Amino acid sequence: MVRWEQFDAAEYDISFNEDKLAAHGISAYDVMEVLVNGIYVVRNKRTDKRYRVRGRTHGGRALELIVVVEGACKLRFITGWDL
């Protein structure tokens, strides 16, 4: 189970669908900046394994990212877009 309210990226094995993120102009580095700067998380209503993560990069770019929980400590960011 992911502890979103006390999220620390160092505690998770994080992977990326770099092609889908890049299609929206988002890099893996952008995702990591969002995770470090503080996030707001909304669970997907259709499945308990997907979440929408919202936050900002160091430069202030607001992003919404879709993440799949693949295991107790494994996350995969599959796509995202600007807010």
PDB file of N, CA and C in Angstrom:
ATOM      1  N   MET A   1       0.843  -1.183   0.000  1.00  0.00           N
ATOM      2  CA  MET A   1       0.000   0.000   0.000  1.00  0.00           C
ATOM      3  C   MET A   1       0.887   1.245   0.000  1.00  0.00           C
ATOM      4  N   VAL A   2       0.566   2.181  -0.862  1.00  0.00           N
ATOM      5  CA  VAL A   2       1.332   3.423  -0.961  1.00  0.00           C
ATOM      6  C   VAL A   2       0.820   4.416   0.086  1.00  0.00           C
ATOM      7  N   ARG A   3       1.730   4.981   0.837  1.00  0.00           N
ATOM      8  CA  ARG A   3       1.370   5.992   1.835  1.00  0.00           C
ATOM      9  C   ARG A   3       1.498   7.369   1.193  1.00  0.00           C
ATOM     10  N   TRP A   4       0.487   7.778   0.444  1.00  0.00           N
ATOM     11  CA  TRP A   4       0.549   9.033  -0.303  1.00  0.00           C
ATOM     12  C   TRP A   4       0.689  10.239   0.609  1.00  0.00           C
ATOM     13  N   GLU A   5       0.075  10.211   1.785  1.00  0.00           N
ATOM     14  CA  GLU A   5       0.115  11.371   2.675  1.00  0.00           C
ATOM     15  C   GLU A   5       1.508  11.597   3.259  1.00  0.00           C
ATOM     16  N   GLN A   6       2.357  10.583   3.251  1.00  0.00           N
ATOM     17  CA  GLN A   6       3.734  10.696   3.736  1.00  0.00           C
ATOM     18  C   GLN A   6       4.689  10.191   2.667  1.00  0.00           C
ATOM     19  N   PHE A   7       4.422  10.513   1.421  1.00  0.00           N
ATOM     20  CA  PHE A   7       5.158   9.947   0.301  1.00  0.00           C
ATOM     21  C   PHE A   7       6.623  10.375   0.297  1.00  0.00           C
ATOM     22  N   ASP A   8       7.504   9.385   0.161  1.00  0.00           N
ATOM     23  CA  ASP A   8       8.937   9.610   0.014  1.00  0.00           C
ATOM     24  C   ASP A   8       9.393   8.748  -1.165  1.00  0.00           C
ATOM     25  N   ALA A   9       9.750   9.402  -2.273  1.00  0.00           N
ATOM     26  CA  ALA A   9      10.111   8.684  -3.494  1.00  0.00           C
ATOM     27  C   ALA A   9      11.254   7.702  -3.281  1.00  0.00           C
ATOM     28  N   ALA A  10      12.130   7.972  -2.330  1.00  0.00           N
ATOM     29  CA  ALA A  10      13.275   7.095  -2.066  1.00  0.00           C
ATOM     30  C   ALA A  10      12.844   5.708  -1.577  1.00  0.00           C
ATOM     31  N   GLU A  11      11.630   5.582  -1.091  1.00  0.00           N
ATOM     32  CA  GLU A  11      11.131   4.302  -0.571  1.00  0.00           C
ATOM     33  C   GLU A  11      10.529   3.411  -1.658  1.00  0.00           C
ATOM     34  N   TYR A  12      10.486   3.888  -2.902  1.00  0.00           N
ATOM     35  CA  TYR A  12       9.796   3.169  -3.972  1.00  0.00           C
ATOM     36  C   TYR A  12      10.703   2.938  -5.171  1.00  0.00           C
ATOM     37  N   ASP A  13      10.448   1.837  -5.858  1.00  0.00           N
ATOM     38  CA  ASP A  13      11.076   1.547  -7.143  1.00  0.00           C
ATOM     39  C   ASP A  13      10.168   2.201  -8.185  1.00  0.00           C
ATOM     40  N   ILE A  14      10.656   3.258  -8.817  1.00  0.00           N
ATOM     41  CA  ILE A  14       9.834   4.050  -9.736  1.00  0.00           C
ATOM     42  C   ILE A  14      10.328   3.854 -11.156  1.00  0.00           C
ATOM     43  N   SER A  15       9.372   3.533 -12.055  1.00  0.00           N
ATOM     44  CA  SER A  15       9.692   3.402 -13.477  1.00  0.00           C
ATOM     45  C   SER A  15       8.767   4.314 -14.272  1.00  0.00           C
ATOM     46  N   PHE A  16       9.064   4.463 -15.551  1.00  0.00           N
ATOM     47  CA  PHE A  16       8.362   5.430 -16.391  1.00  0.00           C
ATOM     48  C   PHE A  16       8.082   4.842 -17.765  1.00  0.00           C
ATOM     49  N   ASN A  17       6.934   5.209 -18.343  1.00  0.00           N
ATOM     50  CA  ASN A  17       6.684   4.958 -19.751  1.00  0.00           C
ATOM     51  C   ASN A  17       7.172   6.227 -20.455  1.00  0.00           C
ATOM     52  N   GLU A  18       8.458   6.252 -20.761  1.00  0.00           N
ATOM     53  CA  GLU A  18       9.080   7.478 -21.258  1.00  0.00           C
ATOM     54  C   GLU A  18       8.512   7.933 -22.596  1.00  0.00           C
ATOM     55  N   ASP A  19       8.073   7.002 -23.443  1.00  0.00           N
ATOM     56  CA  ASP A  19       7.507   7.385 -24.741  1.00  0.00           C
ATOM     57  C   ASP A  19       6.200   8.152 -24.576  1.00  0.00           C
ATOM     58  N   LYS A  20       5.307   7.641 -23.733  1.00  0.00           N
ATOM     59  CA  LYS A  20       4.016   8.323 -23.533  1.00  0.00           C
ATOM     60  C   LYS A  20       4.195   9.653 -22.805  1.00  0.00           C
ATOM     61  N   LEU A  21       5.079   9.687 -21.817  1.00  0.00           N
ATOM     62  CA  LEU A  21       5.346  10.956 -21.125  1.00  0.00           C
ATOM     63  C   LEU A  21       5.946  11.966 -22.090  1.00  0.00           C
ATOM     64  N   ALA A  22       6.910  11.534 -22.909  1.00  0.00           N
ATOM     65  CA  ALA A  22       7.570  12.431 -23.864  1.00  0.00           C
ATOM     66  C   ALA A  22       6.584  12.971 -24.898  1.00  0.00           C
ATOM     67  N   ALA A  23       5.568  12.185 -25.236  1.00  0.00           N
ATOM     68  CA  ALA A  23       4.554  12.648 -26.189  1.00  0.00           C
ATOM     69  C   ALA A  23       3.827  13.887 -25.666  1.00  0.00           C
ATOM     70  N   HIS A  24       3.857  14.086 -24.337  1.00  0.00           N
ATOM     71  CA  HIS A  24       3.229  15.244 -23.707  1.00  0.00           C
ATOM     72  C   HIS A  24       4.268  16.239 -23.202  1.00  0.00           C
ATOM     73  N   GLY A  25       5.525  16.048 -23.633  1.00  0.00           N
ATOM     74  CA  GLY A  25       6.582  16.966 -23.256  1.00  0.00           C
ATOM     75  C   GLY A  25       7.036  16.838 -21.813  1.00  0.00           C
ATOM     76  N   ILE A  26       6.868  15.642 -21.232  1.00  0.00           N
ATOM     77  CA  ILE A  26       7.213  15.395 -19.833  1.00  0.00           C
ATOM     78  C   ILE A  26       8.360  14.387 -19.775  1.00  0.00           C
ATOM     79  N   SER A  27       9.362  14.686 -18.991  1.00  0.00           N
ATOM     80  CA  SER A  27      10.491  13.773 -18.815  1.00  0.00           C
ATOM     81  C   SER A  27      10.380  13.068 -17.464  1.00  0.00           C
ATOM     82  N   ALA A  28      11.173  12.022 -17.298  1.00  0.00           N
ATOM     83  CA  ALA A  28      11.238  11.330 -16.013  1.00  0.00           C
ATOM     84  C   ALA A  28      11.723  12.301 -14.933  1.00  0.00           C
ATOM     85  N   TYR A  29      12.617  13.196 -15.298  1.00  0.00           N
ATOM     86  CA  TYR A  29      13.121  14.195 -14.355  1.00  0.00           C
ATOM     87  C   TYR A  29      11.988  15.112 -13.883  1.00  0.00           C
ATOM     88  N   ASP A  30      11.091  15.509 -14.804  1.00  0.00           N
ATOM     89  CA  ASP A  30       9.930  16.324 -14.424  1.00  0.00           C
ATOM     90  C   ASP A  30       9.071  15.589 -13.393  1.00  0.00           C
ATOM     91  N   VAL A  31       8.859  14.303 -13.613  1.00  0.00           N
ATOM     92  CA  VAL A  31       8.057  13.500 -12.682  1.00  0.00           C
ATOM     93  C   VAL A  31       8.701  13.503 -11.301  1.00  0.00           C
ATOM     94  N   MET A  32      10.006  13.287 -11.256  1.00  0.00           N
ATOM     95  CA  MET A  32      10.698  13.251  -9.967  1.00  0.00           C
ATOM     96  C   MET A  32      10.635  14.611  -9.263  1.00  0.00           C
ATOM     97  N   GLU A  33      10.722  15.694 -10.012  1.00  0.00           N
ATOM     98  CA  GLU A  33      10.581  17.025  -9.404  1.00  0.00           C
ATOM     99  C   GLU A  33       9.210  17.188  -8.763  1.00  0.00           C
ATOM    100  N   VAL A  34       8.171  16.743  -9.450  1.00  0.00           N
ATOM    101  CA  VAL A  34       6.815  16.822  -8.905  1.00  0.00           C
ATOM    102  C   VAL A  34       6.734  16.042  -7.595  1.00  0.00           C
ATOM    103  N   LEU A  35       7.303  14.854  -7.579  1.00  0.00           N
ATOM    104  CA  LEU A  35       7.233  14.011  -6.385  1.00  0.00           C
ATOM    105  C   LEU A  35       7.965  14.634  -5.200  1.00  0.00           C
ATOM    106  N   VAL A  36       9.045  15.330  -5.464  1.00  0.00           N
ATOM    107  CA  VAL A  36       9.831  15.963  -4.395  1.00  0.00           C
ATOM    108  C   VAL A  36       9.141  17.222  -3.868  1.00  0.00           C
ATOM    109  N   ASN A  37       8.432  17.929  -4.729  1.00  0.00           N
ATOM    110  CA  ASN A  37       7.839  19.227  -4.368  1.00  0.00           C
ATOM    111  C   ASN A  37       6.506  19.139  -3.653  1.00  0.00           C
ATOM    112  N   GLY A  38       5.972  17.951  -3.494  1.00  0.00           N
ATOM    113  CA  GLY A  38       4.677  17.806  -2.830  1.00  0.00           C
ATOM    114  C   GLY A  38       3.594  17.496  -3.846  1.00  0.00           C
ATOM    115  N   ILE A  39       2.731  16.577  -3.499  1.00  0.00           N
ATOM    116  CA  ILE A  39       1.740  16.092  -4.456  1.00  0.00           C
ATOM    117  C   ILE A  39       0.350  16.057  -3.842  1.00  0.00           C
ATOM    118  N   TYR A  40      -0.627  16.087  -4.741  1.00  0.00           N
ATOM    119  CA  TYR A  40      -2.031  15.885  -4.408  1.00  0.00           C
ATOM    120  C   TYR A  40      -2.462  14.659  -5.204  1.00  0.00           C
ATOM    121  N   VAL A  41      -3.043  13.655  -4.556  1.00  0.00           N
ATOM    122  CA  VAL A  41      -3.335  12.383  -5.205  1.00  0.00           C
ATOM    123  C   VAL A  41      -4.829  12.091  -5.171  1.00  0.00           C
ATOM    124  N   VAL A  42      -5.346  11.622  -6.320  1.00  0.00           N
ATOM    125  CA  VAL A  42      -6.742  11.213  -6.445  1.00  0.00           C
ATOM    126  C   VAL A  42      -6.761   9.781  -6.973  1.00  0.00           C
ATOM    127  N   ARG A  43      -7.494   8.901  -6.291  1.00  0.00           N
ATOM    128  CA  ARG A  43      -7.599   7.507  -6.727  1.00  0.00           C
ATOM    129  C   ARG A  43      -8.513   7.407  -7.937  1.00  0.00           C
ATOM    130  N   ASN A  44      -8.164   6.552  -8.869  1.00  0.00           N
ATOM    131  CA  ASN A  44      -9.000   6.265 -10.017  1.00  0.00           C
ATOM    132  C   ASN A  44     -10.217   5.494  -9.525  1.00  0.00           C
ATOM    133  N   LYS A  45     -11.398   5.911  -9.910  1.00  0.00           N
ATOM    134  CA  LYS A  45     -12.634   5.282  -9.431  1.00  0.00           C
ATOM    135  C   LYS A  45     -12.843   3.882  -9.999  1.00  0.00           C
ATOM    136  N   ARG A  46     -12.229   3.594 -11.129  1.00  0.00           N
ATOM    137  CA  ARG A  46     -12.444   2.295 -11.773  1.00  0.00           C
ATOM    138  C   ARG A  46     -11.526   1.193 -11.252  1.00  0.00           C
ATOM    139  N   THR A  47     -10.376   1.569 -10.721  1.00  0.00           N
ATOM    140  CA  THR A  47      -9.428   0.567 -10.234  1.00  0.00           C
ATOM    141  C   THR A  47      -8.637   1.124  -9.058  1.00  0.00           C
ATOM    142  N   ASP A  48      -8.293   0.272  -8.145  1.00  0.00           N
ATOM    143  CA  ASP A  48      -7.529   0.733  -6.979  1.00  0.00           C
ATOM    144  C   ASP A  48      -6.027   0.736  -7.244  1.00  0.00           C
ATOM    145  N   LYS A  49      -5.603   0.411  -8.451  1.00  0.00           N
ATOM    146  CA  LYS A  49      -4.180   0.373  -8.769  1.00  0.00           C
ATOM    147  C   LYS A  49      -3.701   1.608  -9.533  1.00  0.00           C
ATOM    148  N   ARG A  50      -4.603   2.496  -9.933  1.00  0.00           N
ATOM    149  CA  ARG A  50      -4.219   3.702 -10.672  1.00  0.00           C
ATOM    150  C   ARG A  50      -4.605   4.944  -9.892  1.00  0.00           C
ATOM    151  N   TYR A  51      -3.720   5.930  -9.985  1.00  0.00           N
ATOM    152  CA  TYR A  51      -3.932   7.204  -9.299  1.00  0.00           C
ATOM    153  C   TYR A  51      -3.564   8.354 -10.220  1.00  0.00           C
ATOM    154  N   ARG A  52      -4.177   9.498  -9.965  1.00  0.00           N
ATOM    155  CA  ARG A  52      -3.803  10.750 -10.622  1.00  0.00           C
ATOM    156  C   ARG A  52      -3.011  11.562  -9.609  1.00  0.00           C
ATOM    157  N   VAL A  53      -1.804  11.912  -9.971  1.00  0.00           N
ATOM    158  CA  VAL A  53      -0.908  12.655  -9.097  1.00  0.00           C
ATOM    159  C   VAL A  53      -0.731  14.050  -9.679  1.00  0.00           C
ATOM    160  N   ARG A  54      -1.023  15.056  -8.879  1.00  0.00           N
ATOM    161  CA  ARG A  54      -0.890  16.446  -9.324  1.00  0.00           C
ATOM    162  C   ARG A  54       0.182  17.151  -8.509  1.00  0.00           C
ATOM    163  N   GLY A  55       0.938  17.990  -9.195  1.00  0.00           N
ATOM    164  CA  GLY A  55       1.974  18.754  -8.515  1.00  0.00           C
ATOM    165  C   GLY A  55       2.700  19.670  -9.483  1.00  0.00           C
ATOM    166  N   ARG A  56       3.772  20.284  -8.991  1.00  0.00           N
ATOM    167  CA  ARG A  56       4.536  21.246  -9.787  1.00  0.00           C
ATOM    168  C   ARG A  56       6.013  20.869  -9.830  1.00  0.00           C
ATOM    169  N   THR A  57       6.625  21.180 -10.973  1.00  0.00           N
ATOM    170  CA  THR A  57       8.067  21.018 -11.105  1.00  0.00           C
ATOM    171  C   THR A  57       8.752  22.176 -10.383  1.00  0.00           C
ATOM    172  N   HIS A  58      10.080  22.126 -10.293  1.00  0.00           N
ATOM    173  CA  HIS A  58      10.826  23.210  -9.658  1.00  0.00           C
ATOM    174  C   HIS A  58      10.564  24.542 -10.360  1.00  0.00           C
ATOM    175  N   GLY A  59      10.339  24.505 -11.669  1.00  0.00           N
ATOM    176  CA  GLY A  59      10.077  25.719 -12.435  1.00  0.00           C
ATOM    177  C   GLY A  59       8.636  26.205 -12.356  1.00  0.00           C
ATOM    178  N   GLY A  60       7.783  25.476 -11.628  1.00  0.00           N
ATOM    179  CA  GLY A  60       6.396  25.893 -11.449  1.00  0.00           C
ATOM    180  C   GLY A  60       5.412  25.298 -12.441  1.00  0.00           C
ATOM    181  N   ARG A  61       5.869  24.418 -13.307  1.00  0.00           N
ATOM    182  CA  ARG A  61       4.980  23.793 -14.287  1.00  0.00           C
ATOM    183  C   ARG A  61       4.033  22.830 -13.572  1.00  0.00           C
ATOM    184  N   ALA A  62       2.737  23.047 -13.725  1.00  0.00           N
ATOM    185  CA  ALA A  62       1.726  22.199 -13.085  1.00  0.00           C
ATOM    186  C   ALA A  62       1.441  20.992 -13.978  1.00  0.00           C
ATOM    187  N   LEU A  63       1.558  19.797 -13.383  1.00  0.00           N
ATOM    188  CA  LEU A  63       1.358  18.562 -14.133  1.00  0.00           C
ATOM    189  C   LEU A  63       0.365  17.652 -13.426  1.00  0.00           C
ATOM    190  N   GLU A  64      -0.336  16.862 -14.224  1.00  0.00           N
ATOM    191  CA  GLU A  64      -1.125  15.750 -13.720  1.00  0.00           C
ATOM    192  C   GLU A  64      -0.530  14.499 -14.326  1.00  0.00           C
ATOM    193  N   LEU A  65      -0.198  13.542 -13.492  1.00  0.00           N
ATOM    194  CA  LEU A  65       0.464  12.314 -13.912  1.00  0.00           C
ATOM    195  C   LEU A  65      -0.390  11.112 -13.539  1.00  0.00           C
ATOM    196  N   ILE A  66      -0.373  10.102 -14.392  1.00  0.00           N
ATOM    197  CA  ILE A  66      -1.091   8.867 -14.100  1.00  0.00           C
ATOM    198  C   ILE A  66      -0.062   7.823 -13.691  1.00  0.00           C
ATOM    199  N   VAL A  67      -0.300   7.224 -12.528  1.00  0.00           N
ATOM    200  CA  VAL A  67       0.624   6.231 -11.989  1.00  0.00           C
ATOM    201  C   VAL A  67      -0.118   4.936 -11.699  1.00  0.00           C
ATOM    202  N   VAL A  68       0.559   3.829 -11.974  1.00  0.00           N
ATOM    203  CA  VAL A  68       0.036   2.500 -11.681  1.00  0.00           C
ATOM    204  C   VAL A  68       0.859   1.920 -10.537  1.00  0.00           C
ATOM    205  N   VAL A  69       0.173   1.413  -9.523  1.00  0.00           N
ATOM    206  CA  VAL A  69       0.850   0.725  -8.421  1.00  0.00           C
ATOM    207  C   VAL A  69       1.030  -0.721  -8.861  1.00  0.00           C
ATOM    208  N   GLU A  70       2.291  -1.127  -9.035  1.00  0.00           N
ATOM    209  CA  GLU A  70       2.590  -2.466  -9.548  1.00  0.00           C
ATOM    210  C   GLU A  70       3.018  -3.433  -8.451  1.00  0.00           C
ATOM    211  N   GLY A  71       3.120  -2.953  -7.245  1.00  0.00           N
ATOM    212  CA  GLY A  71       3.520  -3.795  -6.125  1.00  0.00           C
ATOM    213  C   GLY A  71       3.593  -2.947  -4.872  1.00  0.00           C
ATOM    214  N   ALA A  72       3.955  -3.560  -3.775  1.00  0.00           N
ATOM    215  CA  ALA A  72       3.989  -2.847  -2.498  1.00  0.00           C
ATOM    216  C   ALA A  72       4.880  -1.607  -2.549  1.00  0.00           C
ATOM    217  N   CYS A  73       5.982  -1.688  -3.262  1.00  0.00           N
ATOM    218  CA  CYS A  73       6.924  -0.554  -3.337  1.00  0.00           C
ATOM    219  C   CYS A  73       7.335  -0.271  -4.767  1.00  0.00           C
ATOM    220  N   LYS A  74       6.442  -0.543  -5.721  1.00  0.00           N
ATOM    221  CA  LYS A  74       6.780  -0.356  -7.134  1.00  0.00           C
ATOM    222  C   LYS A  74       5.703   0.488  -7.819  1.00  0.00           C
ATOM    223  N   LEU A  75       6.135   1.603  -8.418  1.00  0.00           N
ATOM    224  CA  LEU A  75       5.231   2.520  -9.115  1.00  0.00           C
ATOM    225  C   LEU A  75       5.697   2.699 -10.548  1.00  0.00           C
ATOM    226  N   ARG A  76       4.748   2.840 -11.472  1.00  0.00           N
ATOM    227  CA  ARG A  76       5.075   3.114 -12.872  1.00  0.00           C
ATOM    228  C   ARG A  76       4.241   4.297 -13.336  1.00  0.00           C
ATOM    229  N   PHE A  77       4.922   5.375 -13.715  1.00  0.00           N
ATOM    230  CA  PHE A  77       4.249   6.560 -14.241  1.00  0.00           C
ATOM    231  C   PHE A  77       4.073   6.354 -15.742  1.00  0.00           C
ATOM    232  N   ILE A  78       2.807   6.318 -16.191  1.00  0.00           N
ATOM    233  CA  ILE A  78       2.530   5.906 -17.567  1.00  0.00           C
ATOM    234  C   ILE A  78       2.228   7.056 -18.518  1.00  0.00           C
ATOM    235  N   THR A  79       1.686   8.152 -18.030  1.00  0.00           N
ATOM    236  CA  THR A  79       1.413   9.307 -18.883  1.00  0.00           C
ATOM    237  C   THR A  79       1.150  10.520 -18.022  1.00  0.00           C
ATOM    238  N   GLY A  80       0.935  11.640 -18.653  1.00  0.00           N
ATOM    239  CA  GLY A  80       0.660  12.865 -17.923  1.00  0.00           C
ATOM    240  C   GLY A  80       0.395  14.001 -18.876  1.00  0.00           C
ATOM    241  N   TRP A  81       0.038  15.157 -18.324  1.00  0.00           N
ATOM    242  CA  TRP A  81      -0.243  16.344 -19.126  1.00  0.00           C
ATOM    243  C   TRP A  81      -0.148  17.584 -18.257  1.00  0.00           C
ATOM    244  N   ASP A  82      -0.086  18.730 -18.930  1.00  0.00           N
ATOM    245  CA  ASP A  82      -0.068  20.008 -18.234  1.00  0.00           C
ATOM    246  C   ASP A  82      -1.443  20.342 -17.713  1.00  0.00           C
ATOM    247  N   LEU A  83      -1.500  20.972 -16.559  1.00  0.00           N
ATOM    248  CA  LEU A  83      -2.773  21.449 -16.007  1.00  0.00           C
ATOM    249  C   LEU A  83      -2.980  22.897 -16.381  1.00  0.00           C
TER     250      LEU A  83
END
